[in-house]
């Protein structure tokens, strides 16, 4: 009985920690992105007012999305991809348009994901990758038959890692432990990095639940 009680207490503490990590991830606002974007905006505003207005719109759209969905467990993949496009346009102002994303994703309204998953992952990749004229960053996003969304890119790591972004990424990994029975996976092989997000088909989940 004492051993069972200890195990139950350990499981409760683990569940509470995972829940706290999940909440912390959803409520996290990226201050580095904000300040760096404002610095880029200050430089742009002197010679390109239209470009500066675009940057403000991109930044506002990203933070509006985060604030609107901070209390939701899931959003449609379509919503997340729309905000990811805003982030990439914002980051390309800082990296001279050397970041490209190729998407091969269908049925984006059917599948759901933890809000901010792709934003945090791409931000982490960009902050820890050398990007320039001779080495642009090419991201590929596609789905696999096993129900995973895969974000792939060639590794070209910086000498010094950006610790805040790595911590945010770690929060994301632990958030998926709370959210999904299937693991959030990162695989590095042959100079390629593969980040795999478990997707949820809400329509199928409802159908299974009703049948049960």
C-alpha atoms as a PDB file:
ATOM      1  CA  UNK A   1       0.000   0.000   0.000  1.00  0.00           C
ATOM      2  CA  UNK A   2       2.842   2.369   0.884  1.00  0.00           C
ATOM      3  CA  UNK A   3       4.600   1.596  -2.423  1.00  0.00           C
ATOM      4  CA  UNK A   4       1.386   2.222  -4.373  1.00  0.00           C
ATOM      5  CA  UNK A   5       0.838   5.491  -2.529  1.00  0.00           C
ATOM      6  CA  UNK A   6       4.371   6.630  -3.380  1.00  0.00           C
ATOM      7  CA  UNK A   7       3.863   5.723  -7.057  1.00  0.00           C
ATOM      8  CA  UNK A   8       0.554   7.615  -7.186  1.00  0.00           C
ATOM      9  CA  UNK A   9       2.198  10.666  -5.599  1.00  0.00           C
ATOM     10  CA  UNK A  10       5.065  10.494  -8.103  1.00  0.00           C
ATOM     11  CA  UNK A  11       2.638  10.231 -11.009  1.00  0.00           C
ATOM     12  CA  UNK A  12       0.631  13.174  -9.688  1.00  0.00           C
ATOM     13  CA  UNK A  13       3.763  15.303  -9.358  1.00  0.00           C
ATOM     14  CA  UNK A  14       4.849  14.336 -12.868  1.00  0.00           C
ATOM     15  CA  UNK A  15       1.406  15.164 -14.270  1.00  0.00           C
ATOM     16  CA  UNK A  16       1.395  18.514 -12.463  1.00  0.00           C
ATOM     17  CA  UNK A  17       4.852  19.326 -13.833  1.00  0.00           C
ATOM     18  CA  UNK A  18       3.844  18.399 -17.374  1.00  0.00           C
ATOM     19  CA  UNK A  19       0.706  20.505 -17.054  1.00  0.00           C
ATOM     20  CA  UNK A  20       2.765  23.430 -15.756  1.00  0.00           C
ATOM     21  CA  UNK A  21       5.187  23.068 -18.690  1.00  0.00           C
ATOM     22  CA  UNK A  22       2.249  22.951 -21.085  1.00  0.00           C
ATOM     23  CA  UNK A  23       0.747  26.139 -19.633  1.00  0.00           C
ATOM     24  CA  UNK A  24       4.168  27.835 -19.535  1.00  0.00           C
ATOM     25  CA  UNK A  25       4.743  27.057 -23.194  1.00  0.00           C
ATOM     26  CA  UNK A  26       1.342  28.360 -24.304  1.00  0.00           C
ATOM     27  CA  UNK A  27       1.671  31.560 -22.270  1.00  0.00           C
ATOM     28  CA  UNK A  28       5.250  32.328 -23.283  1.00  0.00           C
ATOM     29  CA  UNK A  29       5.813  35.541 -25.243  1.00  0.00           C
ATOM     30  CA  UNK A  30       9.080  35.727 -27.163  1.00  0.00           C
ATOM     31  CA  UNK A  31      10.823  38.952 -25.986  1.00  0.00           C
ATOM     32  CA  UNK A  32      13.870  38.458 -28.238  1.00  0.00           C
ATOM     33  CA  UNK A  33      11.691  38.409 -31.337  1.00  0.00           C
ATOM     34  CA  UNK A  34       9.955  41.593 -30.205  1.00  0.00           C
ATOM     35  CA  UNK A  35      13.128  43.590 -29.504  1.00  0.00           C
ATOM     36  CA  UNK A  36      14.989  42.397 -32.586  1.00  0.00           C
ATOM     37  CA  UNK A  37      11.981  43.187 -34.766  1.00  0.00           C
ATOM     38  CA  UNK A  38      11.764  46.667 -33.292  1.00  0.00           C
ATOM     39  CA  UNK A  39      15.472  47.224 -33.994  1.00  0.00           C
ATOM     40  CA  UNK A  40      14.985  46.124 -37.604  1.00  0.00           C
ATOM     41  CA  UNK A  41      11.930  48.379 -37.802  1.00  0.00           C
ATOM     42  CA  UNK A  42      13.955  51.388 -36.590  1.00  0.00           C
ATOM     43  CA  UNK A  43      16.478  50.810 -39.373  1.00  0.00           C
ATOM     44  CA  UNK A  44      13.803  50.279 -42.024  1.00  0.00           C
ATOM     45  CA  UNK A  45      11.616  53.253 -41.190  1.00  0.00           C
ATOM     46  CA  UNK A  46      14.256  55.756 -42.363  1.00  0.00           C
ATOM     47  CA  UNK A  47      14.309  54.533 -45.952  1.00  0.00           C
ATOM     48  CA  UNK A  48      11.230  52.335 -46.530  1.00  0.00           C
ATOM     49  CA  UNK A  49       7.984  53.419 -44.866  1.00  0.00           C
ATOM     50  CA  UNK A  50       5.910  50.816 -46.690  1.00  0.00           C
ATOM     51  CA  UNK A  51       8.291  48.067 -45.615  1.00  0.00           C
ATOM     52  CA  UNK A  52       8.163  49.348 -42.028  1.00  0.00           C
ATOM     53  CA  UNK A  53       4.357  49.203 -42.059  1.00  0.00           C
ATOM     54  CA  UNK A  54       4.529  45.625 -43.320  1.00  0.00           C
ATOM     55  CA  UNK A  55       6.854  44.663 -40.474  1.00  0.00           C
ATOM     56  CA  UNK A  56       4.470  46.197 -37.934  1.00  0.00           C
ATOM     57  CA  UNK A  57       1.582  44.223 -39.436  1.00  0.00           C
ATOM     58  CA  UNK A  58       3.586  40.963 -39.336  1.00  0.00           C
ATOM     59  CA  UNK A  59       4.653  41.508 -35.729  1.00  0.00           C
ATOM     60  CA  UNK A  60       1.155  42.497 -34.611  1.00  0.00           C
ATOM     61  CA  UNK A  61      -0.341  39.444 -36.322  1.00  0.00           C
ATOM     62  CA  UNK A  62       2.084  37.085 -34.568  1.00  0.00           C
ATOM     63  CA  UNK A  63       1.485  38.451 -31.075  1.00  0.00           C
ATOM     64  CA  UNK A  64      -2.262  38.746 -31.656  1.00  0.00           C
ATOM     65  CA  UNK A  65      -2.313  35.059 -32.579  1.00  0.00           C
ATOM     66  CA  UNK A  66      -0.364  34.103 -29.454  1.00  0.00           C
ATOM     67  CA  UNK A  67      -2.584  36.145 -27.158  1.00  0.00           C
ATOM     68  CA  UNK A  68      -5.830  34.926 -28.736  1.00  0.00           C
ATOM     69  CA  UNK A  69      -4.887  31.253 -28.446  1.00  0.00           C
ATOM     70  CA  UNK A  70      -2.929  31.172 -25.192  1.00  0.00           C
ATOM     71  CA  UNK A  71      -5.837  29.431 -23.412  1.00  0.00           C
ATOM     72  CA  UNK A  72      -6.501  26.889 -26.193  1.00  0.00           C
ATOM     73  CA  UNK A  73      -5.008  23.420 -26.291  1.00  0.00           C
ATOM     74  CA  UNK A  74      -5.305  23.084 -30.068  1.00  0.00           C
ATOM     75  CA  UNK A  75      -5.662  25.172 -33.217  1.00  0.00           C
ATOM     76  CA  UNK A  76      -6.125  24.104 -36.812  1.00  0.00           C
ATOM     77  CA  UNK A  77      -2.975  23.562 -38.801  1.00  0.00           C
ATOM     78  CA  UNK A  78      -4.302  26.175 -41.233  1.00  0.00           C
ATOM     79  CA  UNK A  79      -4.284  28.853 -38.508  1.00  0.00           C
ATOM     80  CA  UNK A  80      -0.771  27.939 -37.405  1.00  0.00           C
ATOM     81  CA  UNK A  81       0.549  27.973 -40.982  1.00  0.00           C
ATOM     82  CA  UNK A  82      -0.956  31.395 -41.628  1.00  0.00           C
ATOM     83  CA  UNK A  83       0.875  32.840 -38.618  1.00  0.00           C
ATOM     84  CA  UNK A  84       4.054  30.978 -39.569  1.00  0.00           C
ATOM     85  CA  UNK A  85       3.978  32.833 -42.903  1.00  0.00           C
ATOM     86  CA  UNK A  86       3.880  36.124 -40.971  1.00  0.00           C
ATOM     87  CA  UNK A  87       6.856  35.040 -38.866  1.00  0.00           C
ATOM     88  CA  UNK A  88       8.885  34.055 -41.906  1.00  0.00           C
ATOM     89  CA  UNK A  89       8.201  37.363 -43.610  1.00  0.00           C
ATOM     90  CA  UNK A  90       9.283  39.169 -40.452  1.00  0.00           C
ATOM     91  CA  UNK A  91      12.447  37.076 -40.081  1.00  0.00           C
ATOM     92  CA  UNK A  92      13.330  37.590 -43.731  1.00  0.00           C
ATOM     93  CA  UNK A  93      13.526  41.345 -43.091  1.00  0.00           C
ATOM     94  CA  UNK A  94      16.292  40.538 -40.604  1.00  0.00           C
ATOM     95  CA  UNK A  95      18.021  37.918 -42.780  1.00  0.00           C
ATOM     96  CA  UNK A  96      17.879  39.581 -46.204  1.00  0.00           C
ATOM     97  CA  UNK A  97      15.273  37.112 -47.527  1.00  0.00           C
ATOM     98  CA  UNK A  98      17.565  34.099 -47.194  1.00  0.00           C
ATOM     99  CA  UNK A  99      14.901  31.926 -45.529  1.00  0.00           C
ATOM    100  CA  UNK A 100      12.558  29.822 -47.654  1.00  0.00           C
ATOM    101  CA  UNK A 101       9.764  27.444 -46.709  1.00  0.00           C
ATOM    102  CA  UNK A 102       8.393  24.730 -48.999  1.00  0.00           C
ATOM    103  CA  UNK A 103       5.085  23.220 -47.886  1.00  0.00           C
ATOM    104  CA  UNK A 104       3.514  19.942 -48.947  1.00  0.00           C
ATOM    105  CA  UNK A 105       0.567  19.819 -46.567  1.00  0.00           C
ATOM    106  CA  UNK A 106      -3.076  19.050 -47.370  1.00  0.00           C
ATOM    107  CA  UNK A 107      -6.305  19.094 -45.342  1.00  0.00           C
ATOM    108  CA  UNK A 108      -5.007  21.837 -43.064  1.00  0.00           C
ATOM    109  CA  UNK A 109      -8.484  22.384 -41.595  1.00  0.00           C
ATOM    110  CA  UNK A 110      -8.781  18.749 -40.509  1.00  0.00           C
ATOM    111  CA  UNK A 111      -5.598  18.538 -38.466  1.00  0.00           C
ATOM    112  CA  UNK A 112      -4.820  20.335 -35.214  1.00  0.00           C
ATOM    113  CA  UNK A 113      -1.642  21.259 -33.392  1.00  0.00           C
ATOM    114  CA  UNK A 114      -0.592  22.969 -30.159  1.00  0.00           C
ATOM    115  CA  UNK A 115      -0.658  26.725 -30.910  1.00  0.00           C
ATOM    116  CA  UNK A 116       2.822  28.142 -31.358  1.00  0.00           C
ATOM    117  CA  UNK A 117       4.477  24.793 -32.147  1.00  0.00           C
ATOM    118  CA  UNK A 118       5.744  25.756 -35.582  1.00  0.00           C
ATOM    119  CA  UNK A 119       6.525  29.334 -34.535  1.00  0.00           C
ATOM    120  CA  UNK A 120       8.795  28.233 -31.671  1.00  0.00           C
ATOM    121  CA  UNK A 121      10.456  25.538 -33.780  1.00  0.00           C
ATOM    122  CA  UNK A 122      11.236  27.830 -36.711  1.00  0.00           C
ATOM    123  CA  UNK A 123      12.425  30.605 -34.390  1.00  0.00           C
ATOM    124  CA  UNK A 124      14.753  28.115 -32.664  1.00  0.00           C
ATOM    125  CA  UNK A 125      16.105  26.870 -35.987  1.00  0.00           C
ATOM    126  CA  UNK A 126      16.743  30.387 -37.296  1.00  0.00           C
ATOM    127  CA  UNK A 127      18.476  31.555 -34.102  1.00  0.00           C
ATOM    128  CA  UNK A 128      20.830  28.572 -34.051  1.00  0.00           C
ATOM    129  CA  UNK A 129      21.655  28.346 -37.773  1.00  0.00           C
ATOM    130  CA  UNK A 130      24.217  30.288 -39.824  1.00  0.00           C
ATOM    131  CA  UNK A 131      22.280  32.052 -42.601  1.00  0.00           C
ATOM    132  CA  UNK A 132      23.718  34.150 -45.439  1.00  0.00           C
ATOM    133  CA  UNK A 133      24.127  34.624 -49.199  1.00  0.00           C
ATOM    134  CA  UNK A 134      26.147  31.426 -49.600  1.00  0.00           C
ATOM    135  CA  UNK A 135      24.135  29.385 -47.115  1.00  0.00           C
ATOM    136  CA  UNK A 136      20.414  30.235 -47.196  1.00  0.00           C
ATOM    137  CA  UNK A 137      18.077  28.362 -44.883  1.00  0.00           C
ATOM    138  CA  UNK A 138      15.627  26.087 -46.675  1.00  0.00           C
ATOM    139  CA  UNK A 139      12.805  24.617 -44.606  1.00  0.00           C
ATOM    140  CA  UNK A 140      10.536  21.827 -45.778  1.00  0.00           C
ATOM    141  CA  UNK A 141       7.200  21.034 -44.174  1.00  0.00           C
ATOM    142  CA  UNK A 142       5.269  17.893 -45.041  1.00  0.00           C
ATOM    143  CA  UNK A 143       2.995  15.258 -43.540  1.00  0.00           C
ATOM    144  CA  UNK A 144       3.680  11.564 -43.179  1.00  0.00           C
ATOM    145  CA  UNK A 145       1.207   8.685 -43.310  1.00  0.00           C
ATOM    146  CA  UNK A 146       1.764   7.935 -39.628  1.00  0.00           C
ATOM    147  CA  UNK A 147       0.015  11.194 -38.674  1.00  0.00           C
ATOM    148  CA  UNK A 148       3.087  13.326 -38.143  1.00  0.00           C
ATOM    149  CA  UNK A 149       3.892  16.772 -39.483  1.00  0.00           C
ATOM    150  CA  UNK A 150       7.604  17.013 -40.302  1.00  0.00           C
ATOM    151  CA  UNK A 151       9.750  20.162 -40.371  1.00  0.00           C
ATOM    152  CA  UNK A 152      13.075  19.441 -42.083  1.00  0.00           C
ATOM    153  CA  UNK A 153      16.175  21.528 -42.741  1.00  0.00           C
ATOM    154  CA  UNK A 154      19.902  21.134 -43.323  1.00  0.00           C
ATOM    155  CA  UNK A 155      21.972  21.774 -40.207  1.00  0.00           C
ATOM    156  CA  UNK A 156      24.523  24.593 -40.213  1.00  0.00           C
ATOM    157  CA  UNK A 157      24.875  25.320 -36.519  1.00  0.00           C
ATOM    158  CA  UNK A 158      26.165  28.536 -34.994  1.00  0.00           C
ATOM    159  CA  UNK A 159      29.205  28.340 -32.730  1.00  0.00           C
ATOM    160  CA  UNK A 160      27.211  29.781 -29.809  1.00  0.00           C
ATOM    161  CA  UNK A 161      23.701  28.491 -29.182  1.00  0.00           C
ATOM    162  CA  UNK A 162      20.821  30.772 -28.263  1.00  0.00           C
ATOM    163  CA  UNK A 163      19.832  29.409 -24.860  1.00  0.00           C
ATOM    164  CA  UNK A 164      16.420  31.106 -24.557  1.00  0.00           C
ATOM    165  CA  UNK A 165      15.220  29.588 -27.824  1.00  0.00           C
ATOM    166  CA  UNK A 166      16.476  26.140 -26.812  1.00  0.00           C
ATOM    167  CA  UNK A 167      14.614  26.435 -23.509  1.00  0.00           C
ATOM    168  CA  UNK A 168      11.419  27.390 -25.363  1.00  0.00           C
ATOM    169  CA  UNK A 169      11.899  24.374 -27.629  1.00  0.00           C
ATOM    170  CA  UNK A 170      12.368  22.132 -24.581  1.00  0.00           C
ATOM    171  CA  UNK A 171       9.120  23.513 -23.127  1.00  0.00           C
ATOM    172  CA  UNK A 172       7.440  22.565 -26.403  1.00  0.00           C
ATOM    173  CA  UNK A 173       8.760  19.000 -26.223  1.00  0.00           C
ATOM    174  CA  UNK A 174       7.446  18.586 -22.677  1.00  0.00           C
ATOM    175  CA  UNK A 175       4.116  20.208 -23.600  1.00  0.00           C
ATOM    176  CA  UNK A 176       3.498  17.410 -26.097  1.00  0.00           C
ATOM    177  CA  UNK A 177       4.042  14.826 -23.337  1.00  0.00           C
ATOM    178  CA  UNK A 178       1.054  16.352 -21.568  1.00  0.00           C
ATOM    179  CA  UNK A 179      -0.976  16.718 -24.743  1.00  0.00           C
ATOM    180  CA  UNK A 180      -0.397  13.577 -26.810  1.00  0.00           C
ATOM    181  CA  UNK A 181       0.243   9.845 -26.362  1.00  0.00           C
ATOM    182  CA  UNK A 182       2.469   9.988 -29.421  1.00  0.00           C
ATOM    183  CA  UNK A 183       5.877  11.595 -28.844  1.00  0.00           C
ATOM    184  CA  UNK A 184       7.159  14.840 -30.255  1.00  0.00           C
ATOM    185  CA  UNK A 185      10.325  13.684 -32.045  1.00  0.00           C
ATOM    186  CA  UNK A 186      13.536  15.362 -33.168  1.00  0.00           C
ATOM    187  CA  UNK A 187      15.966  13.320 -35.277  1.00  0.00           C
ATOM    188  CA  UNK A 188      19.349  14.504 -36.551  1.00  0.00           C
ATOM    189  CA  UNK A 189      20.932  12.416 -39.307  1.00  0.00           C
ATOM    190  CA  UNK A 190      23.254  13.049 -42.267  1.00  0.00           C
ATOM    191  CA  UNK A 191      23.408  16.808 -41.536  1.00  0.00           C
ATOM    192  CA  UNK A 192      19.609  17.007 -41.666  1.00  0.00           C
ATOM    193  CA  UNK A 193      17.316  17.895 -38.768  1.00  0.00           C
ATOM    194  CA  UNK A 194      13.798  16.421 -38.650  1.00  0.00           C
ATOM    195  CA  UNK A 195      11.272  17.784 -36.154  1.00  0.00           C
ATOM    196  CA  UNK A 196       8.089  15.693 -36.026  1.00  0.00           C
ATOM    197  CA  UNK A 197       4.825  17.006 -34.559  1.00  0.00           C
ATOM    198  CA  UNK A 198       1.974  14.572 -33.776  1.00  0.00           C
ATOM    199  CA  UNK A 199      -1.192  15.841 -35.448  1.00  0.00           C
ATOM    200  CA  UNK A 200      -4.742  15.385 -34.193  1.00  0.00           C
ATOM    201  CA  UNK A 201      -7.709  14.834 -36.474  1.00  0.00           C
ATOM    202  CA  UNK A 202     -10.515  16.217 -34.321  1.00  0.00           C
ATOM    203  CA  UNK A 203     -13.248  14.776 -36.572  1.00  0.00           C
ATOM    204  CA  UNK A 204     -11.829  11.256 -36.159  1.00  0.00           C
ATOM    205  CA  UNK A 205     -11.413  11.733 -32.391  1.00  0.00           C
ATOM    206  CA  UNK A 206     -15.078  12.753 -32.091  1.00  0.00           C
ATOM    207  CA  UNK A 207     -16.181   9.796 -34.227  1.00  0.00           C
ATOM    208  CA  UNK A 208     -14.222   7.315 -32.093  1.00  0.00           C
ATOM    209  CA  UNK A 209     -15.582   8.897 -28.922  1.00  0.00           C
ATOM    210  CA  UNK A 210     -19.177   8.644 -30.144  1.00  0.00           C
ATOM    211  CA  UNK A 211     -18.727   5.015 -31.177  1.00  0.00           C
ATOM    212  CA  UNK A 212     -17.321   4.231 -27.746  1.00  0.00           C
END
